[in-house]
N, C-alpha and C. Protein backbone atom coordinates (compact mmCIF):
# COMPACT_ATOMS: atom_id res chain seq x y z
N MET A 1 132.67 -180.43 -13.73
CA MET A 1 133.35 -181.68 -13.45
C MET A 1 134.51 -181.38 -12.52
N LYS A 2 134.61 -182.13 -11.45
CA LYS A 2 135.72 -182.01 -10.53
C LYS A 2 136.58 -183.27 -10.64
N VAL A 3 137.90 -183.08 -10.54
CA VAL A 3 138.84 -184.18 -10.68
C VAL A 3 139.84 -184.11 -9.53
N SER A 4 140.06 -185.22 -8.86
CA SER A 4 141.07 -185.27 -7.82
C SER A 4 142.43 -185.49 -8.46
N VAL A 5 143.35 -184.58 -8.19
CA VAL A 5 144.70 -184.70 -8.74
C VAL A 5 145.70 -185.01 -7.62
N HIS A 6 145.19 -185.41 -6.48
CA HIS A 6 146.03 -185.72 -5.33
C HIS A 6 147.07 -186.79 -5.67
N THR A 7 146.69 -187.80 -6.44
CA THR A 7 147.61 -188.88 -6.79
C THR A 7 148.71 -188.42 -7.74
N LEU A 8 148.52 -187.29 -8.40
CA LEU A 8 149.52 -186.76 -9.32
C LEU A 8 150.75 -186.26 -8.58
N GLY A 9 150.56 -185.76 -7.39
CA GLY A 9 151.68 -185.26 -6.60
C GLY A 9 152.18 -183.93 -7.11
N ARG A 10 153.33 -183.52 -6.62
CA ARG A 10 153.91 -182.22 -6.98
C ARG A 10 155.17 -182.37 -7.82
N ARG A 11 155.39 -183.54 -8.37
CA ARG A 11 156.59 -183.78 -9.17
C ARG A 11 156.41 -183.23 -10.58
N THR A 12 157.24 -182.29 -10.99
CA THR A 12 157.20 -181.78 -12.35
C THR A 12 157.46 -182.93 -13.31
N GLY A 13 156.64 -183.05 -14.33
CA GLY A 13 156.77 -184.13 -15.30
C GLY A 13 155.81 -185.28 -15.06
N ALA A 14 155.19 -185.35 -13.88
CA ALA A 14 154.20 -186.39 -13.61
C ALA A 14 152.95 -186.11 -14.44
N SER A 15 152.27 -187.16 -14.88
CA SER A 15 151.06 -186.96 -15.68
C SER A 15 150.05 -188.05 -15.40
N MET A 16 148.82 -187.79 -15.80
CA MET A 16 147.75 -188.78 -15.68
C MET A 16 146.77 -188.59 -16.83
N GLU A 17 146.21 -189.70 -17.28
CA GLU A 17 145.18 -189.69 -18.32
C GLU A 17 143.83 -189.80 -17.63
N LEU A 18 142.83 -189.17 -18.21
CA LEU A 18 141.50 -189.17 -17.62
C LEU A 18 140.47 -189.26 -18.73
N VAL A 19 139.57 -190.24 -18.61
CA VAL A 19 138.45 -190.38 -19.55
C VAL A 19 137.18 -190.37 -18.71
N ARG A 20 136.32 -189.38 -18.97
CA ARG A 20 135.08 -189.23 -18.19
C ARG A 20 133.93 -188.83 -19.09
N THR A 21 132.73 -189.22 -18.69
CA THR A 21 131.50 -188.76 -19.33
C THR A 21 130.67 -188.06 -18.26
N PHE A 22 130.20 -186.86 -18.57
CA PHE A 22 129.38 -186.12 -17.62
C PHE A 22 128.26 -185.41 -18.37
N ASP A 23 127.27 -184.95 -17.65
CA ASP A 23 126.10 -184.29 -18.25
C ASP A 23 126.40 -182.83 -18.57
N ALA A 24 125.91 -182.38 -19.72
CA ALA A 24 126.09 -180.99 -20.12
C ALA A 24 125.27 -180.07 -19.21
N PRO A 25 125.86 -178.94 -18.83
CA PRO A 25 125.11 -177.99 -18.00
C PRO A 25 124.08 -177.23 -18.82
N ALA A 26 123.22 -176.50 -18.14
CA ALA A 26 122.23 -175.66 -18.82
C ALA A 26 122.92 -174.47 -19.48
N HIS A 27 122.33 -173.95 -20.53
CA HIS A 27 122.77 -172.72 -21.19
C HIS A 27 124.19 -172.81 -21.74
N MET A 28 124.49 -173.89 -22.44
CA MET A 28 125.81 -174.03 -23.05
C MET A 28 125.65 -173.87 -24.55
N GLY A 29 125.96 -172.69 -25.06
CA GLY A 29 125.83 -172.43 -26.48
C GLY A 29 125.31 -171.03 -26.73
N THR A 30 124.76 -170.87 -27.94
CA THR A 30 124.22 -169.58 -28.35
C THR A 30 122.74 -169.75 -28.72
N GLU A 31 122.15 -168.69 -29.19
CA GLU A 31 120.75 -168.71 -29.60
C GLU A 31 120.52 -169.69 -30.76
N PHE A 32 121.51 -169.85 -31.64
CA PHE A 32 121.34 -170.67 -32.83
C PHE A 32 121.97 -172.06 -32.74
N LEU A 33 122.93 -172.26 -31.87
CA LEU A 33 123.60 -173.55 -31.76
C LEU A 33 123.96 -173.80 -30.30
N SER A 34 123.53 -174.95 -29.77
CA SER A 34 123.78 -175.21 -28.36
C SER A 34 123.92 -176.71 -28.09
N VAL A 35 124.40 -177.00 -26.91
CA VAL A 35 124.49 -178.37 -26.42
C VAL A 35 123.26 -178.60 -25.55
N PRO A 36 122.45 -179.62 -25.86
CA PRO A 36 121.24 -179.85 -25.06
C PRO A 36 121.59 -180.15 -23.59
N GLU A 37 120.89 -179.52 -22.68
CA GLU A 37 121.11 -179.73 -21.25
C GLU A 37 120.96 -181.21 -20.90
N GLY A 38 121.92 -181.74 -20.16
CA GLY A 38 121.87 -183.12 -19.72
C GLY A 38 122.42 -184.13 -20.72
N SER A 39 122.76 -183.69 -21.93
CA SER A 39 123.31 -184.62 -22.91
C SER A 39 124.74 -185.00 -22.50
N PRO A 40 125.22 -186.18 -22.91
CA PRO A 40 126.55 -186.62 -22.47
C PRO A 40 127.68 -185.80 -23.11
N MET A 41 128.65 -185.48 -22.29
CA MET A 41 129.88 -184.83 -22.75
C MET A 41 131.02 -185.81 -22.45
N ASN A 42 131.71 -186.24 -23.49
CA ASN A 42 132.78 -187.22 -23.33
C ASN A 42 134.12 -186.51 -23.35
N ALA A 43 134.87 -186.61 -22.25
CA ALA A 43 136.15 -185.93 -22.12
C ALA A 43 137.29 -186.95 -22.10
N GLN A 44 138.31 -186.70 -22.90
CA GLN A 44 139.55 -187.47 -22.89
C GLN A 44 140.66 -186.47 -22.62
N LEU A 45 141.18 -186.48 -21.41
CA LEU A 45 142.11 -185.45 -20.96
C LEU A 45 143.44 -186.02 -20.52
N ARG A 46 144.46 -185.17 -20.57
CA ARG A 46 145.77 -185.48 -20.01
C ARG A 46 146.12 -184.32 -19.09
N ILE A 47 146.52 -184.66 -17.87
CA ILE A 47 146.88 -183.65 -16.88
C ILE A 47 148.37 -183.82 -16.57
N ASP A 48 149.13 -182.75 -16.79
CA ASP A 48 150.58 -182.77 -16.57
C ASP A 48 150.96 -181.80 -15.47
N ALA A 49 151.83 -182.24 -14.57
CA ALA A 49 152.37 -181.36 -13.55
C ALA A 49 153.53 -180.58 -14.18
N VAL A 50 153.46 -179.27 -14.10
CA VAL A 50 154.52 -178.40 -14.60
C VAL A 50 154.98 -177.51 -13.44
N SER A 51 156.07 -176.81 -13.62
CA SER A 51 156.62 -176.02 -12.52
C SER A 51 155.65 -174.94 -12.03
N GLU A 52 154.76 -174.45 -12.91
CA GLU A 52 153.80 -173.41 -12.54
C GLU A 52 152.50 -173.96 -11.97
N GLY A 53 152.28 -175.27 -12.02
CA GLY A 53 151.03 -175.86 -11.53
C GLY A 53 150.65 -177.06 -12.36
N LEU A 54 149.43 -177.04 -12.92
CA LEU A 54 148.93 -178.14 -13.75
C LEU A 54 148.58 -177.64 -15.14
N PHE A 55 148.84 -178.47 -16.14
CA PHE A 55 148.48 -178.17 -17.52
C PHE A 55 147.53 -179.27 -17.98
N VAL A 56 146.33 -178.88 -18.43
CA VAL A 56 145.32 -179.84 -18.87
C VAL A 56 145.12 -179.68 -20.37
N SER A 57 145.20 -180.81 -21.10
CA SER A 57 144.96 -180.80 -22.54
C SER A 57 144.07 -181.98 -22.88
N GLY A 58 143.43 -181.93 -24.04
CA GLY A 58 142.60 -183.05 -24.45
C GLY A 58 141.44 -182.62 -25.32
N ASP A 59 140.49 -183.52 -25.46
CA ASP A 59 139.31 -183.30 -26.29
C ASP A 59 138.04 -183.55 -25.50
N VAL A 60 137.00 -182.78 -25.83
CA VAL A 60 135.66 -183.01 -25.29
C VAL A 60 134.72 -183.10 -26.48
N THR A 61 133.93 -184.17 -26.54
CA THR A 61 132.98 -184.38 -27.62
C THR A 61 131.56 -184.21 -27.09
N VAL A 62 130.76 -183.42 -27.81
CA VAL A 62 129.38 -183.14 -27.39
C VAL A 62 128.43 -183.25 -28.58
N GLN A 63 127.17 -183.42 -28.28
CA GLN A 63 126.11 -183.38 -29.28
C GLN A 63 125.63 -181.93 -29.38
N VAL A 64 125.54 -181.39 -30.60
CA VAL A 64 125.06 -180.03 -30.77
C VAL A 64 123.78 -180.02 -31.61
N ARG A 65 122.91 -179.06 -31.31
CA ARG A 65 121.66 -178.89 -32.06
C ARG A 65 121.43 -177.41 -32.27
N GLY A 66 120.78 -177.10 -33.37
CA GLY A 66 120.46 -175.70 -33.62
C GLY A 66 119.93 -175.47 -35.01
N LEU A 67 120.10 -174.24 -35.47
CA LEU A 67 119.62 -173.82 -36.78
C LEU A 67 120.75 -173.16 -37.55
N CYS A 68 120.80 -173.42 -38.87
CA CYS A 68 121.74 -172.71 -39.74
C CYS A 68 121.30 -171.25 -39.79
N VAL A 69 122.24 -170.34 -39.53
CA VAL A 69 121.88 -168.92 -39.51
C VAL A 69 121.61 -168.37 -40.91
N ARG A 70 122.02 -169.10 -41.94
CA ARG A 70 121.81 -168.64 -43.32
C ARG A 70 120.47 -169.10 -43.86
N CYS A 71 120.17 -170.42 -43.70
CA CYS A 71 118.95 -170.96 -44.31
C CYS A 71 117.90 -171.41 -43.29
N LEU A 72 118.24 -171.37 -42.01
CA LEU A 72 117.36 -171.78 -40.91
C LEU A 72 116.96 -173.26 -40.95
N GLU A 73 117.76 -174.09 -41.63
CA GLU A 73 117.56 -175.54 -41.61
C GLU A 73 118.09 -176.08 -40.27
N PRO A 74 117.45 -177.13 -39.74
CA PRO A 74 117.92 -177.71 -38.48
C PRO A 74 119.31 -178.32 -38.63
N LEU A 75 120.12 -178.17 -37.59
CA LEU A 75 121.44 -178.79 -37.52
C LEU A 75 121.46 -179.73 -36.34
N ASP A 76 122.07 -180.88 -36.52
CA ASP A 76 122.20 -181.86 -35.44
C ASP A 76 123.46 -182.66 -35.72
N GLY A 77 124.39 -182.63 -34.81
CA GLY A 77 125.64 -183.35 -35.05
C GLY A 77 126.50 -183.42 -33.81
N GLU A 78 127.69 -183.96 -34.01
CA GLU A 78 128.66 -184.13 -32.95
C GLU A 78 129.81 -183.16 -33.19
N TYR A 79 130.32 -182.60 -32.11
CA TYR A 79 131.42 -181.62 -32.20
C TYR A 79 132.50 -182.00 -31.20
N THR A 80 133.74 -181.96 -31.63
CA THR A 80 134.87 -182.23 -30.76
C THR A 80 135.79 -181.02 -30.73
N ALA A 81 136.13 -180.61 -29.53
CA ALA A 81 137.05 -179.47 -29.36
C ALA A 81 138.12 -179.83 -28.36
């Protein structure tokens, strides 16, 4: 995902909120738990201008699928990080 921060300027303390949905890339995860390729990734971000550059914080929510490594039962759910 690319984001234009041109409107943020170079003023320390300036900030912007960003809400975007984009497709998950291929090979995101492990052998047992992964994000399906092309599934929606919902990002809620805040971008702050600081003296050293930009600081990005927020949450990304994705659909995950896989197998429990203990019992090998299917797992399917939503994860936010």
